[in-house]
Amino acid sequence: MSEKYAFKCASCGRLEGPEAAGDRALPLKCRVCGKGAHFDSDSGLLVQDDDGWIVLAELSETEADKIAKFHAISKGAFVRHGGKS
């Protein structure tokens, strides 16, 4: 069975499947580089950085082609995550 990917870390480029986000619209933190969330200095709460992830299903054809070629995968491996918004 081939892998399916829904997200790309905007920092390190790691591809993640839809399960990485769980019930969230986006994954919380990249499991490779740790980017995607930070602790708020005032409240101490963990805050998600929405610009930390690229949603693969929302890319233009050109952008999707570039990523698929770079990772040597088919654009058919890009899926939409059905989590909450």
N, C-alpha and C. Protein backbone atom coordinates (compact mmCIF):
# COMPACT_ATOMS: atom_id res chain seq x y z
N MET A 1 0.85 -1.19 0.00
CA MET A 1 0.00 0.00 0.00
C MET A 1 0.89 1.25 0.00
N SER A 2 0.57 2.20 -0.84
CA SER A 2 1.39 3.41 -0.94
C SER A 2 0.97 4.44 0.11
N GLU A 3 1.94 5.25 0.49
CA GLU A 3 1.71 6.29 1.49
C GLU A 3 0.83 7.40 0.92
N LYS A 4 0.08 8.04 1.80
CA LYS A 4 -0.73 9.20 1.45
C LYS A 4 -0.25 10.37 2.29
N TYR A 5 -0.20 11.55 1.70
CA TYR A 5 0.31 12.74 2.37
C TYR A 5 -0.68 13.88 2.26
N ALA A 6 -0.87 14.59 3.36
CA ALA A 6 -1.79 15.73 3.38
C ALA A 6 -1.08 17.05 3.70
N PHE A 7 0.09 16.97 4.33
CA PHE A 7 0.77 18.18 4.81
C PHE A 7 2.26 18.12 4.53
N LYS A 8 2.84 19.31 4.40
CA LYS A 8 4.30 19.45 4.28
C LYS A 8 4.73 20.50 5.29
N CYS A 9 5.73 20.17 6.11
CA CYS A 9 6.26 21.13 7.08
C CYS A 9 6.89 22.28 6.30
N ALA A 10 6.51 23.50 6.63
CA ALA A 10 7.04 24.67 5.94
C ALA A 10 8.49 24.96 6.33
N SER A 11 8.96 24.32 7.39
CA SER A 11 10.32 24.55 7.83
C SER A 11 11.31 23.54 7.26
N CYS A 12 11.06 22.26 7.48
CA CYS A 12 12.04 21.25 7.05
C CYS A 12 11.62 20.45 5.83
N GLY A 13 10.35 20.56 5.42
CA GLY A 13 9.89 19.86 4.23
C GLY A 13 9.36 18.46 4.46
N ARG A 14 9.27 18.01 5.70
CA ARG A 14 8.76 16.68 6.02
C ARG A 14 7.32 16.55 5.56
N LEU A 15 7.01 15.46 4.87
CA LEU A 15 5.64 15.17 4.46
C LEU A 15 4.96 14.35 5.55
N GLU A 16 3.71 14.67 5.84
CA GLU A 16 2.94 13.95 6.84
C GLU A 16 1.59 13.54 6.27
N GLY A 17 1.11 12.41 6.71
CA GLY A 17 -0.19 11.92 6.30
C GLY A 17 -1.30 12.64 7.05
N PRO A 18 -2.54 12.40 6.65
CA PRO A 18 -3.67 13.08 7.29
C PRO A 18 -3.82 12.73 8.76
N GLU A 19 -3.36 11.55 9.16
CA GLU A 19 -3.49 11.14 10.56
C GLU A 19 -2.63 11.99 11.50
N ALA A 20 -1.64 12.68 10.97
CA ALA A 20 -0.75 13.51 11.81
C ALA A 20 -1.50 14.67 12.46
N ALA A 21 -2.61 15.08 11.88
CA ALA A 21 -3.38 16.20 12.42
C ALA A 21 -4.46 15.75 13.40
N GLY A 22 -4.81 14.49 13.38
CA GLY A 22 -5.88 14.02 14.27
C GLY A 22 -7.16 14.78 14.01
N ASP A 23 -7.75 15.36 15.06
CA ASP A 23 -8.98 16.14 14.93
C ASP A 23 -8.73 17.60 14.58
N ARG A 24 -7.46 17.99 14.54
CA ARG A 24 -7.12 19.37 14.19
C ARG A 24 -7.16 19.56 12.68
N ALA A 25 -7.21 20.82 12.26
CA ALA A 25 -7.13 21.12 10.84
C ALA A 25 -5.71 20.91 10.31
N LEU A 26 -4.71 21.11 11.19
CA LEU A 26 -3.29 20.96 10.83
C LEU A 26 -2.58 20.19 11.94
N PRO A 27 -1.48 19.53 11.61
CA PRO A 27 -0.68 18.91 12.68
C PRO A 27 -0.20 20.00 13.64
N LEU A 28 0.10 19.60 14.87
CA LEU A 28 0.55 20.58 15.85
C LEU A 28 2.01 20.94 15.63
N LYS A 29 2.91 19.99 15.82
CA LYS A 29 4.34 20.25 15.65
C LYS A 29 4.92 19.20 14.72
N CYS A 30 5.90 19.59 13.96
CA CYS A 30 6.61 18.65 13.08
C CYS A 30 7.40 17.69 13.96
N ARG A 31 7.29 16.41 13.68
CA ARG A 31 8.02 15.45 14.51
C ARG A 31 9.50 15.37 14.17
N VAL A 32 9.92 16.04 13.10
CA VAL A 32 11.34 16.07 12.76
C VAL A 32 12.01 17.33 13.32
N CYS A 33 11.48 18.50 12.99
CA CYS A 33 12.14 19.75 13.40
C CYS A 33 11.48 20.46 14.58
N GLY A 34 10.26 20.05 14.94
CA GLY A 34 9.57 20.66 16.08
C GLY A 34 8.86 21.96 15.79
N LYS A 35 8.94 22.45 14.56
CA LYS A 35 8.26 23.71 14.22
C LYS A 35 6.76 23.45 14.05
N GLY A 36 5.98 24.52 14.11
CA GLY A 36 4.54 24.42 13.91
C GLY A 36 3.75 24.87 15.12
N ALA A 37 4.42 25.03 16.26
CA ALA A 37 3.76 25.51 17.47
C ALA A 37 4.81 26.13 18.38
N HIS A 38 4.35 26.98 19.27
CA HIS A 38 5.26 27.61 20.24
C HIS A 38 4.50 27.87 21.53
N PHE A 39 5.22 28.08 22.60
CA PHE A 39 4.60 28.44 23.87
C PHE A 39 4.51 29.95 23.97
N ASP A 40 3.31 30.44 24.25
CA ASP A 40 3.08 31.87 24.42
C ASP A 40 3.80 32.34 25.68
N SER A 41 4.59 33.39 25.56
CA SER A 41 5.39 33.86 26.69
C SER A 41 4.53 34.46 27.81
N ASP A 42 3.35 34.98 27.49
CA ASP A 42 2.50 35.58 28.51
C ASP A 42 1.65 34.54 29.25
N SER A 43 1.00 33.68 28.48
CA SER A 43 0.08 32.72 29.10
C SER A 43 0.71 31.36 29.39
N GLY A 44 1.79 31.05 28.68
CA GLY A 44 2.41 29.74 28.84
C GLY A 44 1.71 28.64 28.09
N LEU A 45 0.67 29.00 27.32
CA LEU A 45 -0.09 28.01 26.57
C LEU A 45 0.60 27.69 25.24
N LEU A 46 0.39 26.47 24.78
CA LEU A 46 0.92 26.05 23.48
C LEU A 46 0.03 26.64 22.39
N VAL A 47 0.62 27.36 21.45
CA VAL A 47 -0.10 28.03 20.37
C VAL A 47 0.34 27.45 19.04
N GLN A 48 -0.63 27.06 18.22
CA GLN A 48 -0.32 26.51 16.91
C GLN A 48 0.02 27.64 15.94
N ASP A 49 1.07 27.42 15.14
CA ASP A 49 1.46 28.36 14.10
C ASP A 49 0.86 27.87 12.78
N ASP A 50 -0.22 28.49 12.34
CA ASP A 50 -0.92 28.02 11.15
C ASP A 50 -0.06 28.06 9.90
N ASP A 51 0.93 28.94 9.86
CA ASP A 51 1.79 29.02 8.68
C ASP A 51 2.93 28.00 8.74
N GLY A 52 2.92 27.12 9.73
CA GLY A 52 3.95 26.11 9.86
C GLY A 52 3.76 24.90 8.96
N TRP A 53 2.58 24.82 8.33
CA TRP A 53 2.26 23.67 7.48
C TRP A 53 1.70 24.10 6.14
N ILE A 54 2.04 23.36 5.11
CA ILE A 54 1.48 23.55 3.77
C ILE A 54 0.48 22.42 3.55
N VAL A 55 -0.74 22.77 3.18
CA VAL A 55 -1.78 21.78 2.90
C VAL A 55 -1.63 21.36 1.44
N LEU A 56 -1.22 20.14 1.22
CA LEU A 56 -0.89 19.68 -0.13
C LEU A 56 -2.07 19.71 -1.09
N ALA A 57 -3.27 19.42 -0.60
CA ALA A 57 -4.46 19.40 -1.47
C ALA A 57 -4.85 20.80 -1.94
N GLU A 58 -4.29 21.83 -1.34
CA GLU A 58 -4.63 23.21 -1.71
C GLU A 58 -3.59 23.87 -2.62
N LEU A 59 -2.58 23.11 -3.01
CA LEU A 59 -1.53 23.67 -3.86
C LEU A 59 -1.98 23.81 -5.30
N SER A 60 -1.36 24.73 -6.01
CA SER A 60 -1.60 24.84 -7.45
C SER A 60 -0.96 23.62 -8.13
N GLU A 61 -1.33 23.37 -9.34
CA GLU A 61 -0.76 22.23 -10.08
C GLU A 61 0.77 22.34 -10.15
N THR A 62 1.26 23.53 -10.40
CA THR A 62 2.70 23.75 -10.52
C THR A 62 3.42 23.45 -9.21
N GLU A 63 2.88 23.98 -8.10
CA GLU A 63 3.49 23.72 -6.80
C GLU A 63 3.44 22.24 -6.43
N ALA A 64 2.30 21.59 -6.69
CA ALA A 64 2.14 20.16 -6.40
C ALA A 64 3.11 19.34 -7.24
N ASP A 65 3.28 19.71 -8.50
CA ASP A 65 4.24 19.01 -9.38
C ASP A 65 5.65 19.09 -8.83
N LYS A 66 6.05 20.28 -8.36
CA LYS A 66 7.40 20.48 -7.81
C LYS A 66 7.64 19.58 -6.60
N ILE A 67 6.68 19.56 -5.69
CA ILE A 67 6.83 18.77 -4.46
C ILE A 67 6.83 17.29 -4.78
N ALA A 68 5.94 16.85 -5.65
CA ALA A 68 5.88 15.44 -6.03
C ALA A 68 7.18 15.01 -6.70
N LYS A 69 7.70 15.84 -7.57
CA LYS A 69 8.95 15.50 -8.26
C LYS A 69 10.11 15.44 -7.26
N PHE A 70 10.19 16.42 -6.37
CA PHE A 70 11.27 16.46 -5.38
C PHE A 70 11.29 15.21 -4.50
N HIS A 71 10.10 14.77 -4.09
CA HIS A 71 9.99 13.61 -3.20
C HIS A 71 9.84 12.28 -3.97
N ALA A 72 9.87 12.37 -5.30
CA ALA A 72 9.76 11.18 -6.17
C ALA A 72 8.50 10.38 -5.86
N ILE A 73 7.37 11.10 -5.77
CA ILE A 73 6.08 10.46 -5.55
C ILE A 73 5.08 11.00 -6.55
N SER A 74 3.96 10.34 -6.66
CA SER A 74 2.88 10.78 -7.54
C SER A 74 2.02 11.81 -6.82
N LYS A 75 1.46 12.76 -7.57
CA LYS A 75 0.53 13.72 -6.97
C LYS A 75 -0.72 13.00 -6.47
N GLY A 76 -0.94 11.78 -6.95
CA GLY A 76 -2.05 10.97 -6.46
C GLY A 76 -1.89 10.59 -4.99
N ALA A 77 -0.68 10.76 -4.45
CA ALA A 77 -0.42 10.47 -3.04
C ALA A 77 -0.87 11.62 -2.15
N PHE A 78 -1.25 12.76 -2.73
CA PHE A 78 -1.70 13.91 -1.96
C PHE A 78 -3.19 13.77 -1.69
N VAL A 79 -3.57 13.80 -0.42
CA VAL A 79 -4.97 13.66 -0.04
C VAL A 79 -5.40 14.83 0.84
N ARG A 80 -6.69 15.01 0.94
CA ARG A 80 -7.23 16.06 1.80
C ARG A 80 -7.50 15.47 3.17
N HIS A 81 -7.17 16.21 4.20
CA HIS A 81 -7.43 15.79 5.59
C HIS A 81 -8.86 16.17 5.95
N GLY A 82 -9.57 15.27 6.57
CA GLY A 82 -10.96 15.52 6.91
C GLY A 82 -11.19 16.00 8.32
N GLY A 83 -10.15 16.50 8.99
CA GLY A 83 -10.27 16.95 10.39
C GLY A 83 -11.05 18.23 10.52
N LYS A 84 -11.20 18.68 11.75
CA LYS A 84 -11.94 19.92 12.04
C LYS A 84 -11.17 21.12 11.53
N SER A 85 -11.89 22.17 11.24
CA SER A 85 -11.24 23.41 10.78
C SER A 85 -10.94 24.32 11.93
